[in-house]
PDB file of all heavy atoms in Angstrom:
ATOM      1  N   VAL A   1     106.491   7.601 -97.027  1.00  0.00           N
ATOM      2  CA  VAL A   1     106.907   7.603 -98.392  1.00  0.00           C
ATOM      3  C   VAL A   1     108.073   6.782 -98.654  1.00  0.00           C
ATOM      4  O   VAL A   1     109.092   6.918 -97.698  1.00  0.00           O
ATOM      5  CB  VAL A   1     107.168   8.974 -98.815  1.00  0.00           C
ATOM      6  CG1 VAL A   1     107.820   9.004-100.301  1.00  0.00           C
ATOM      7  CG2 VAL A   1     105.853   9.844 -98.867  1.00  0.00           C
ATOM      8  N   THR A   2     108.212   5.824 -99.520  1.00  0.00           N
ATOM      9  CA  THR A   2     109.427   5.077 -99.800  1.00  0.00           C
ATOM     10  C   THR A   2     110.443   5.991-100.396  1.00  0.00           C
ATOM     11  O   THR A   2     110.271   6.367-101.554  1.00  0.00           O
ATOM     12  CB  THR A   2     109.084   3.903-100.709  1.00  0.00           C
ATOM     13  OG1 THR A   2     108.110   3.066-100.106  1.00  0.00           O
ATOM     14  CG2 THR A   2     110.298   3.066-101.098  1.00  0.00           C
ATOM     15  N   MET A   3     111.367   6.201 -99.609  1.00  0.00           N
ATOM     16  CA  MET A   3     112.482   7.211-100.241  1.00  0.00           C
ATOM     17  C   MET A   3     113.445   6.809-101.241  1.00  0.00           C
ATOM     18  O   MET A   3     113.848   7.484-102.183  1.00  0.00           O
ATOM     19  CB  MET A   3     113.215   7.857 -98.997  1.00  0.00           C
ATOM     20  CG  MET A   3     112.357   8.721 -97.985  1.00  0.00           C
ATOM     21  SD  MET A   3     111.472   9.999 -98.767  1.00  0.00           S
ATOM     22  CE  MET A   3     112.754  11.065 -99.454  1.00  0.00           C
ATOM     23  N   VAL A   4     113.852   5.513-100.986  1.00  0.00           N
ATOM     24  CA  VAL A   4     114.623   4.897-102.153  1.00  0.00           C
ATOM     25  C   VAL A   4     114.013   3.519-102.354  1.00  0.00           C
ATOM     26  O   VAL A   4     113.802   2.700-101.456  1.00  0.00           O
ATOM     27  CB  VAL A   4     116.059   4.554-101.770  1.00  0.00           C
ATOM     28  CG1 VAL A   4     116.856   3.852-102.687  1.00  0.00           C
ATOM     29  CG2 VAL A   4     116.760   5.972-101.367  1.00  0.00           C
ATOM     30  N   ARG A   5     113.625   3.190-103.588  1.00  0.00           N
ATOM     31  CA  ARG A   5     112.987   1.978-103.957  1.00  0.00           C
ATOM     32  C   ARG A   5     113.954   0.977-104.177  1.00  0.00           C
ATOM     33  O   ARG A   5     114.859   1.208-105.107  1.00  0.00           O
ATOM     34  CB  ARG A   5     112.009   2.213-105.090  1.00  0.00           C
ATOM     35  CG  ARG A   5     110.968   1.008-105.304  1.00  0.00           C
ATOM     36  CD  ARG A   5     109.821   1.395-106.284  1.00  0.00           C
ATOM     37  NE  ARG A   5     110.424   1.396-107.674  1.00  0.00           N
ATOM     38  CZ  ARG A   5     110.608   2.591-108.357  1.00  0.00           C
ATOM     39  NH1 ARG A   5     110.210   3.656-107.867  1.00  0.00           N
ATOM     40  NH2 ARG A   5     111.019   2.408-109.618  1.00  0.00           N
ATOM     41  N   VAL A   6     113.949  -0.203-103.367  1.00  0.00           N
ATOM     42  CA  VAL A   6     115.014  -1.208-103.571  1.00  0.00           C
ATOM     43  C   VAL A   6     114.372  -2.475-104.109  1.00  0.00           C
ATOM     44  O   VAL A   6     113.430  -2.994-103.433  1.00  0.00           O
ATOM     45  CB  VAL A   6     115.737  -1.403-102.297  1.00  0.00           C
ATOM     46  CG1 VAL A   6     116.885  -2.400-102.413  1.00  0.00           C
ATOM     47  CG2 VAL A   6     116.327  -0.019-101.762  1.00  0.00           C
ATOM     48  N   SER A   7     114.926  -3.112-105.054  1.00  0.00           N
ATOM     49  CA  SER A   7     114.436  -4.206-105.633  1.00  0.00           C
ATOM     50  C   SER A   7     114.856  -5.529-104.781  1.00  0.00           C
ATOM     51  O   SER A   7     115.806  -5.374-104.033  1.00  0.00           O
ATOM     52  CB  SER A   7     114.858  -4.403-107.022  1.00  0.00           C
ATOM     53  OG  SER A   7     116.181  -4.764-107.084  1.00  0.00           O
ATOM     54  N   GLN A   8     114.177  -6.589-105.044  1.00  0.00           N
ATOM     55  CA  GLN A   8     114.646  -7.891-104.395  1.00  0.00           C
ATOM     56  C   GLN A   8     115.994  -8.255-105.183  1.00  0.00           C
ATOM     57  O   GLN A   8     116.199  -7.947-106.400  1.00  0.00           O
ATOM     58  CB  GLN A   8     113.619  -8.927-104.632  1.00  0.00           C
ATOM     59  CG  GLN A   8     112.341  -8.693-103.650  1.00  0.00           C
ATOM     60  CD  GLN A   8     112.623  -8.772-102.278  1.00  0.00           C
ATOM     61  OE1 GLN A   8     113.395  -9.500-101.799  1.00  0.00           O
ATOM     62  NE2 GLN A   8     112.093  -7.822-101.413  1.00  0.00           N
ATOM     63  N   ALA A   9     116.775  -9.029-104.464  1.00  0.00           N
ATOM     64  CA  ALA A   9     118.045  -9.481-105.101  1.00  0.00           C
ATOM     65  C   ALA A   9     117.678 -10.586-106.206  1.00  0.00           C
ATOM     66  O   ALA A   9     116.849 -11.277-106.088  1.00  0.00           O
ATOM     67  CB  ALA A   9     119.002 -10.090-104.171  1.00  0.00           C
ATOM     68  N   LYS A  10     118.334 -10.502-107.474  1.00  0.00           N
ATOM     69  CA  LYS A  10     118.186 -11.389-108.500  1.00  0.00           C
ATOM     70  C   LYS A  10     119.513 -11.896-108.909  1.00  0.00           C
ATOM     71  O   LYS A  10     120.538 -11.185-108.834  1.00  0.00           O
ATOM     72  CB  LYS A  10     117.473 -10.607-109.624  1.00  0.00           C
ATOM     73  CG  LYS A  10     116.160 -10.040-109.356  1.00  0.00           C
ATOM     74  CD  LYS A  10     115.627  -9.248-110.471  1.00  0.00           C
ATOM     75  CE  LYS A  10     114.293  -8.604-110.161  1.00  0.00           C
ATOM     76  NZ  LYS A  10     113.857  -7.708-111.317  1.00  0.00           N
ATOM     77  N   PRO A  11     119.484 -13.082-109.556  1.00  0.00           N
ATOM     78  CA  PRO A  11     120.775 -13.593-110.143  1.00  0.00           C
ATOM     79  C   PRO A  11     121.089 -12.881-111.499  1.00  0.00           C
ATOM     80  O   PRO A  11     120.190 -12.538-112.248  1.00  0.00           O
ATOM     81  CB  PRO A  11     120.540 -15.035-110.357  1.00  0.00           C
ATOM     82  CG  PRO A  11     119.112 -15.267-110.348  1.00  0.00           C
ATOM     83  CD  PRO A  11     118.545 -14.145-109.555  1.00  0.00           C
ATOM     84  N   VAL A  12     122.460 -12.621-111.603  1.00  0.00           N
ATOM     85  CA  VAL A  12     122.813 -11.992-112.923  1.00  0.00           C
ATOM     86  C   VAL A  12     122.644 -13.114-114.030  1.00  0.00           C
ATOM     87  O   VAL A  12     122.964 -14.321-113.864  1.00  0.00           O
ATOM     88  CB  VAL A  12     124.155 -11.540-112.971  1.00  0.00           C
ATOM     89  CG1 VAL A  12     124.614 -10.957-114.363  1.00  0.00           C
ATOM     90  CG2 VAL A  12     124.400 -10.541-111.827  1.00  0.00           C
ATOM     91  N   ALA A  13     122.002 -12.727-115.189  1.00  0.00           N
ATOM     92  CA  ALA A  13     121.848 -13.636-116.186  1.00  0.00           C
ATOM     93  C   ALA A  13     123.164 -14.266-116.789  1.00  0.00           C
ATOM     94  O   ALA A  13     124.227 -13.547-116.678  1.00  0.00           O
ATOM     95  CB  ALA A  13     121.080 -13.057-117.496  1.00  0.00           C
ATOM     96  N   ALA A  14     123.134 -15.501-117.362  1.00  0.00           N
ATOM     97  CA  ALA A  14     124.355 -16.044-117.835  1.00  0.00           C
ATOM     98  C   ALA A  14     125.006 -15.251-119.002  1.00  0.00           C
ATOM     99  O   ALA A  14     126.241 -15.304-119.035  1.00  0.00           O
ATOM    100  CB  ALA A  14     123.973 -17.449-118.400  1.00  0.00           C
ATOM    101  N   SER A  15     124.265 -14.352-119.627  1.00  0.00           N
ATOM    102  CA  SER A  15     124.761 -13.427-120.699  1.00  0.00           C
ATOM    103  C   SER A  15     125.549 -12.259-119.986  1.00  0.00           C
ATOM    104  O   SER A  15     126.249 -11.568-120.722  1.00  0.00           O
ATOM    105  CB  SER A  15     123.760 -13.128-121.531  1.00  0.00           C
ATOM    106  OG  SER A  15     122.826 -12.178-120.878  1.00  0.00           O
ATOM    107  N   GLY A  16     125.355 -12.035-118.710  1.00  0.00           N
ATOM    108  CA  GLY A  16     125.774 -10.874-118.080  1.00  0.00           C
ATOM    109  C   GLY A  16     124.987  -9.525-118.439  1.00  0.00           C
ATOM    110  O   GLY A  16     125.570  -8.545-118.277  1.00  0.00           O
ATOM    111  N   SER A  17     123.800  -9.796-118.958  1.00  0.00           N
ATOM    112  CA  SER A  17     123.095  -8.649-119.416  1.00  0.00           C
ATOM    113  C   SER A  17     122.051  -8.246-118.360  1.00  0.00           C
ATOM    114  O   SER A  17     121.440  -8.979-117.791  1.00  0.00           O
ATOM    115  CB  SER A  17     122.318  -8.965-120.713  1.00  0.00           C
ATOM    116  OG  SER A  17     121.511  -7.968-121.264  1.00  0.00           O
ATOM    117  N   ILE A  18     121.839  -6.934-118.182  1.00  0.00           N
ATOM    118  CA  ILE A  18     120.856  -6.405-117.360  1.00  0.00           C
ATOM    119  C   ILE A  18     120.187  -5.205-118.109  1.00  0.00           C
ATOM    120  O   ILE A  18     120.904  -4.364-118.708  1.00  0.00           O
ATOM    121  CB  ILE A  18     121.507  -5.779-115.968  1.00  0.00           C
ATOM    122  CG1 ILE A  18     122.122  -6.939-115.168  1.00  0.00           C
ATOM    123  CG2 ILE A  18     120.445  -5.095-115.066  1.00  0.00           C
ATOM    124  CD1 ILE A  18     122.762  -6.551-113.854  1.00  0.00           C
ATOM    125  N   ARG A  19     118.898  -5.200-118.022  1.00  0.00           N
ATOM    126  CA  ARG A  19     118.125  -4.177-118.658  1.00  0.00           C
ATOM    127  C   ARG A  19     117.408  -3.318-117.574  1.00  0.00           C
ATOM    128  O   ARG A  19     116.956  -3.880-116.537  1.00  0.00           O
ATOM    129  CB  ARG A  19     116.978  -4.709-119.646  1.00  0.00           C
ATOM    130  CG  ARG A  19     117.644  -5.494-120.892  1.00  0.00           C
ATOM    131  CD  ARG A  19     116.637  -6.165-121.573  1.00  0.00           C
ATOM    132  NE  ARG A  19     117.021  -6.996-122.725  1.00  0.00           N
ATOM    133  CZ  ARG A  19     117.317  -6.273-124.006  1.00  0.00           C
ATOM    134  NH1 ARG A  19     117.146  -5.147-124.154  1.00  0.00           N
ATOM    135  NH2 ARG A  19     117.902  -7.145-124.946  1.00  0.00           N
ATOM    136  N   LEU A  20     117.424  -2.056-117.895  1.00  0.00           N
ATOM    137  CA  LEU A  20     116.604  -1.222-116.914  1.00  0.00           C
ATOM    138  C   LEU A  20     116.095   0.047-117.713  1.00  0.00           C
ATOM    139  O   LEU A  20     116.570   0.354-118.775  1.00  0.00           O
ATOM    140  CB  LEU A  20     117.434  -0.628-115.771  1.00  0.00           C
ATOM    141  CG  LEU A  20     118.635   0.295-116.168  1.00  0.00           C
ATOM    142  CD1 LEU A  20     118.890   1.208-114.887  1.00  0.00           C
ATOM    143  CD2 LEU A  20     119.920  -0.357-116.517  1.00  0.00           C
ATOM    144  N   THR A  21     114.991   0.658-117.153  1.00  0.00           N
ATOM    145  CA  THR A  21     114.354   1.751-117.772  1.00  0.00           C
ATOM    146  C   THR A  21     114.482   2.992-116.768  1.00  0.00           C
ATOM    147  O   THR A  21     114.350   2.756-115.538  1.00  0.00           O
ATOM    148  CB  THR A  21     112.852   1.495-117.933  1.00  0.00           C
ATOM    149  OG1 THR A  21     112.825   0.516-118.944  1.00  0.00           O
ATOM    150  CG2 THR A  21     112.317   2.711-118.570  1.00  0.00           C
ATOM    151  N   MET A  22     115.002   4.063-117.167  1.00  0.00           N
ATOM    152  CA  MET A  22     115.171   5.261-116.383  1.00  0.00           C
ATOM    153  C   MET A  22     114.164   6.329-116.886  1.00  0.00           C
ATOM    154  O   MET A  22     114.038   6.600-117.996  1.00  0.00           O
ATOM    155  CB  MET A  22     116.653   5.759-116.439  1.00  0.00           C
ATOM    156  CG  MET A  22     117.464   5.011-115.679  1.00  0.00           C
ATOM    157  SD  MET A  22     119.094   5.665-115.362  1.00  0.00           S
ATOM    158  CE  MET A  22     118.638   7.058-114.157  1.00  0.00           C
ATOM    159  N   THR A  23     113.617   7.226-115.868  1.00  0.00           N
ATOM    160  CA  THR A  23     113.041   8.294-116.257  1.00  0.00           C
ATOM    161  C   THR A  23     113.777   9.510-115.762  1.00  0.00           C
ATOM    162  O   THR A  23     114.659   9.434-114.791  1.00  0.00           O
ATOM    163  CB  THR A  23     111.564   8.361-115.523  1.00  0.00           C
ATOM    164  OG1 THR A  23     111.755   8.143-114.120  1.00  0.00           O
ATOM    165  CG2 THR A  23     110.778   7.212-116.114  1.00  0.00           C
ATOM    166  N   SER A  24     113.549  10.778-116.335  1.00  0.00           N
ATOM    167  CA  SER A  24     114.290  11.804-115.992  1.00  0.00           C
ATOM    168  C   SER A  24     113.407  12.845-115.315  1.00  0.00           C
ATOM    169  O   SER A  24     112.244  13.052-115.622  1.00  0.00           O
ATOM    170  CB  SER A  24     114.901  12.569-117.228  1.00  0.00           C
ATOM    171  OG  SER A  24     115.610  13.655-116.945  1.00  0.00           O
ATOM    172  N   PRO A  25     113.954  13.429-114.186  1.00  0.00           N
ATOM    173  CA  PRO A  25     115.217  13.219-113.592  1.00  0.00           C
ATOM    174  C   PRO A  25     115.218  11.967-112.810  1.00  0.00           C
ATOM    175  O   PRO A  25     114.217  11.509-112.327  1.00  0.00           O
ATOM    176  CB  PRO A  25     115.347  14.331-112.567  1.00  0.00           C
ATOM    177  CG  PRO A  25     113.910  14.784-112.176  1.00  0.00           C
ATOM    178  CD  PRO A  25     113.042  14.469-113.343  1.00  0.00           C
ATOM    179  N   GLY A  26     116.414  11.323-112.581  1.00  0.00           N
ATOM    180  CA  GLY A  26     116.369  10.151-111.822  1.00  0.00           C
ATOM    181  C   GLY A  26     117.877   9.696-111.516  1.00  0.00           C
ATOM    182  O   GLY A  26     118.817  10.026-112.218  1.00  0.00           O
ATOM    183  N   VAL A  27     117.946   8.810-110.442  1.00  0.00           N
ATOM    184  CA  VAL A  27     119.151   8.269-110.087  1.00  0.00           C
ATOM    185  C   VAL A  27     118.863   6.712-109.872  1.00  0.00           C
ATOM    186  O   VAL A  27     117.897   6.382-109.296  1.00  0.00           O
ATOM    187  CB  VAL A  27     119.909   8.846-108.824  1.00  0.00           C
ATOM    188  CG1 VAL A  27     121.152   7.905-108.548  1.00  0.00           C
ATOM    189  CG2 VAL A  27     120.105  10.249-109.087  1.00  0.00           C
ATOM    190  N   LYS A  28     119.558   5.851-110.527  1.00  0.00           N
ATOM    191  CA  LYS A  28     119.383   4.363-110.450  1.00  0.00           C
ATOM    192  C   LYS A  28     120.685   3.725-110.172  1.00  0.00           C
ATOM    193  O   LYS A  28     121.658   3.933-110.939  1.00  0.00           O
ATOM    194  CB  LYS A  28     118.663   3.784-111.600  1.00  0.00           C
ATOM    195  CG  LYS A  28     118.293   2.370-111.525  1.00  0.00           C
ATOM    196  CD  LYS A  28     117.261   1.924-112.538  1.00  0.00           C
ATOM    197  CE  LYS A  28     115.794   2.465-112.356  1.00  0.00           C
ATOM    198  NZ  LYS A  28     114.826   1.894-113.335  1.00  0.00           N
ATOM    199  N   GLN A  29     120.753   2.900-109.192  1.00  0.00           N
ATOM    200  CA  GLN A  29     121.921   2.254-108.848  1.00  0.00           C
ATOM    201  C   GLN A  29     121.831   0.734-108.834  1.00  0.00           C
ATOM    202  O   GLN A  29     120.936   0.184-108.185  1.00  0.00           O
ATOM    203  CB  GLN A  29     122.376   2.725-107.380  1.00  0.00           C
ATOM    204  CG  GLN A  29     123.775   2.383-106.972  1.00  0.00           C
ATOM    205  CD  GLN A  29     124.087   2.889-105.472  1.00  0.00           C
ATOM    206  OE1 GLN A  29     123.550   2.581-104.526  1.00  0.00           O
ATOM    207  NE2 GLN A  29     125.138   3.843-105.457  1.00  0.00           N
ATOM    208  N   ILE A  30     122.793   0.149-109.480  1.00  0.00           N
ATOM    209  CA  ILE A  30     122.822  -1.333-109.560  1.00  0.00           C
ATOM    210  C   ILE A  30     123.939  -1.804-108.812  1.00  0.00           C
ATOM    211  O   ILE A  30     125.233  -1.389-109.061  1.00  0.00           O
ATOM    212  CB  ILE A  30     122.917  -1.850-111.080  1.00  0.00           C
ATOM    213  CG1 ILE A  30     121.544  -1.471-111.777  1.00  0.00           C
ATOM    214  CG2 ILE A  30     123.065  -3.339-111.116  1.00  0.00           C
ATOM    215  CD1 ILE A  30     121.532  -1.819-113.232  1.00  0.00           C
ATOM    216  N   ILE A  31     123.746  -2.691-107.823  1.00  0.00           N
ATOM    217  CA  ILE A  31     124.848  -3.174-107.043  1.00  0.00           C
ATOM    218  C   ILE A  31     124.948  -4.666-107.216  1.00  0.00           C
ATOM    219  O   ILE A  31     123.912  -5.356-107.056  1.00  0.00           O
ATOM    220  CB  ILE A  31     124.632  -2.980-105.543  1.00  0.00           C
ATOM    221  CG1 ILE A  31     124.775  -1.384-105.370  1.00  0.00           C
ATOM    222  CG2 ILE A  31     125.784  -3.457-104.767  1.00  0.00           C
ATOM    223  CD1 ILE A  31     124.436  -0.979-103.979  1.00  0.00           C
ATOM    224  N   VAL A  32     125.995  -5.247-107.663  1.00  0.00           N
ATOM    225  CA  VAL A  32     126.300  -6.732-107.935  1.00  0.00           C
ATOM    226  C   VAL A  32     127.336  -7.138-106.902  1.00  0.00           C
ATOM    227  O   VAL A  32     128.288  -6.533-106.643  1.00  0.00           O
ATOM    228  CB  VAL A  32     126.790  -6.857-109.350  1.00  0.00           C
ATOM    229  CG1 VAL A  32     126.847  -8.459-109.775  1.00  0.00           C
ATOM    230  CG2 VAL A  32     125.909  -6.167-110.392  1.00  0.00           C
ATOM    231  N   CYS A  33     126.888  -8.326-106.394  1.00  0.00           N
ATOM    232  CA  CYS A  33     127.764  -8.888-105.296  1.00  0.00           C
ATOM    233  C   CYS A  33     127.894 -10.390-105.571  1.00  0.00           C
ATOM    234  O   CYS A  33     127.069 -11.088-106.007  1.00  0.00           O
ATOM    235  CB  CYS A  33     127.000  -8.716-103.892  1.00  0.00           C
ATOM    236  SG  CYS A  33     128.140  -9.065-102.461  1.00  0.00           S
ATOM    237  N   ASN A  34     129.156 -10.850-105.397  1.00  0.00           N
ATOM    238  CA  ASN A  34     129.417 -12.272-105.749  1.00  0.00           C
ATOM    239  C   ASN A  34     130.435 -12.928-104.782  1.00  0.00           C
ATOM    240  O   ASN A  34     131.005 -13.851-105.072  1.00  0.00           O
ATOM    241  CB  ASN A  34     129.978 -12.399-107.102  1.00  0.00           C
ATOM    242  CG  ASN A  34     131.383 -11.942-107.300  1.00  0.00           C
ATOM    243  OD1 ASN A  34     132.004 -11.261-106.348  1.00  0.00           O
ATOM    244  ND2 ASN A  34     131.912 -11.993-108.488  1.00  0.00           N
ATOM    245  N   GLY A  35     130.517 -12.346-103.496  1.00  0.00           N
ATOM    246  CA  GLY A  35     131.321 -12.976-102.484  1.00  0.00           C
ATOM    247  C   GLY A  35     130.891 -12.934-101.218  1.00  0.00           C
ATOM    248  O   GLY A  35     130.082 -12.013-100.761  1.00  0.00           O
ATOM    249  N   ASN A  36     131.245 -13.861-100.297  1.00  0.00           N
ATOM    250  CA  ASN A  36     130.816 -13.863 -98.917  1.00  0.00           C
ATOM    251  C   ASN A  36     131.575 -12.802 -98.121  1.00  0.00           C
ATOM    252  O   ASN A  36     132.671 -12.402 -98.481  1.00  0.00           O
ATOM    253  CB  ASN A  36     131.014 -15.082 -98.263  1.00  0.00           C
ATOM    254  CG  ASN A  36     130.187 -16.254 -98.867  1.00  0.00           C
ATOM    255  OD1 ASN A  36     129.102 -16.017 -99.272  1.00  0.00           O
ATOM    256  ND2 ASN A  36     130.819 -17.521 -98.922  1.00  0.00           N
ATOM    257  N   GLU A  37     130.886 -12.264 -97.103  1.00  0.00           N
ATOM    258  CA  GLU A  37     131.528 -11.236 -96.218  1.00  0.00           C
ATOM    259  C   GLU A  37     130.939 -11.402 -94.880  1.00  0.00           C
ATOM    260  O   GLU A  37     129.750 -11.964 -94.705  1.00  0.00           O
ATOM    261  CB  GLU A  37     131.205  -9.853 -96.863  1.00  0.00           C
ATOM    262  CG  GLU A  37     129.840  -9.474 -96.992  1.00  0.00           C
ATOM    263  CD  GLU A  37     129.565  -8.159 -97.420  1.00  0.00           C
ATOM    264  OE1 GLU A  37     130.591  -7.485 -97.956  1.00  0.00           O
ATOM    265  OE2 GLU A  37     128.524  -7.631 -97.536  1.00  0.00           O
ATOM    266  N   THR A  38     131.671 -10.773 -93.938  1.00  0.00           N
ATOM    267  CA  THR A  38     131.262 -10.827 -92.614  1.00  0.00           C
ATOM    268  C   THR A  38     130.551  -9.450 -92.253  1.00  0.00           C
ATOM    269  O   THR A  38     131.166  -8.395 -92.530  1.00  0.00           O
ATOM    270  CB  THR A  38     132.445 -11.037 -91.580  1.00  0.00           C
ATOM    271  OG1 THR A  38     133.147 -12.020 -91.953  1.00  0.00           O
ATOM    272  CG2 THR A  38     131.974 -10.902 -90.163  1.00  0.00           C
TER     273      THR A  38
END
């Protein structure tokens, strides 16, 4: 069973807008990254 469903990485739109749909109960986490790291 897929315990946490993780999407493929996508670029943030130029408007800075992100849309998502949530169902209850639920937890949804958006992580945005814009810098290199080791």
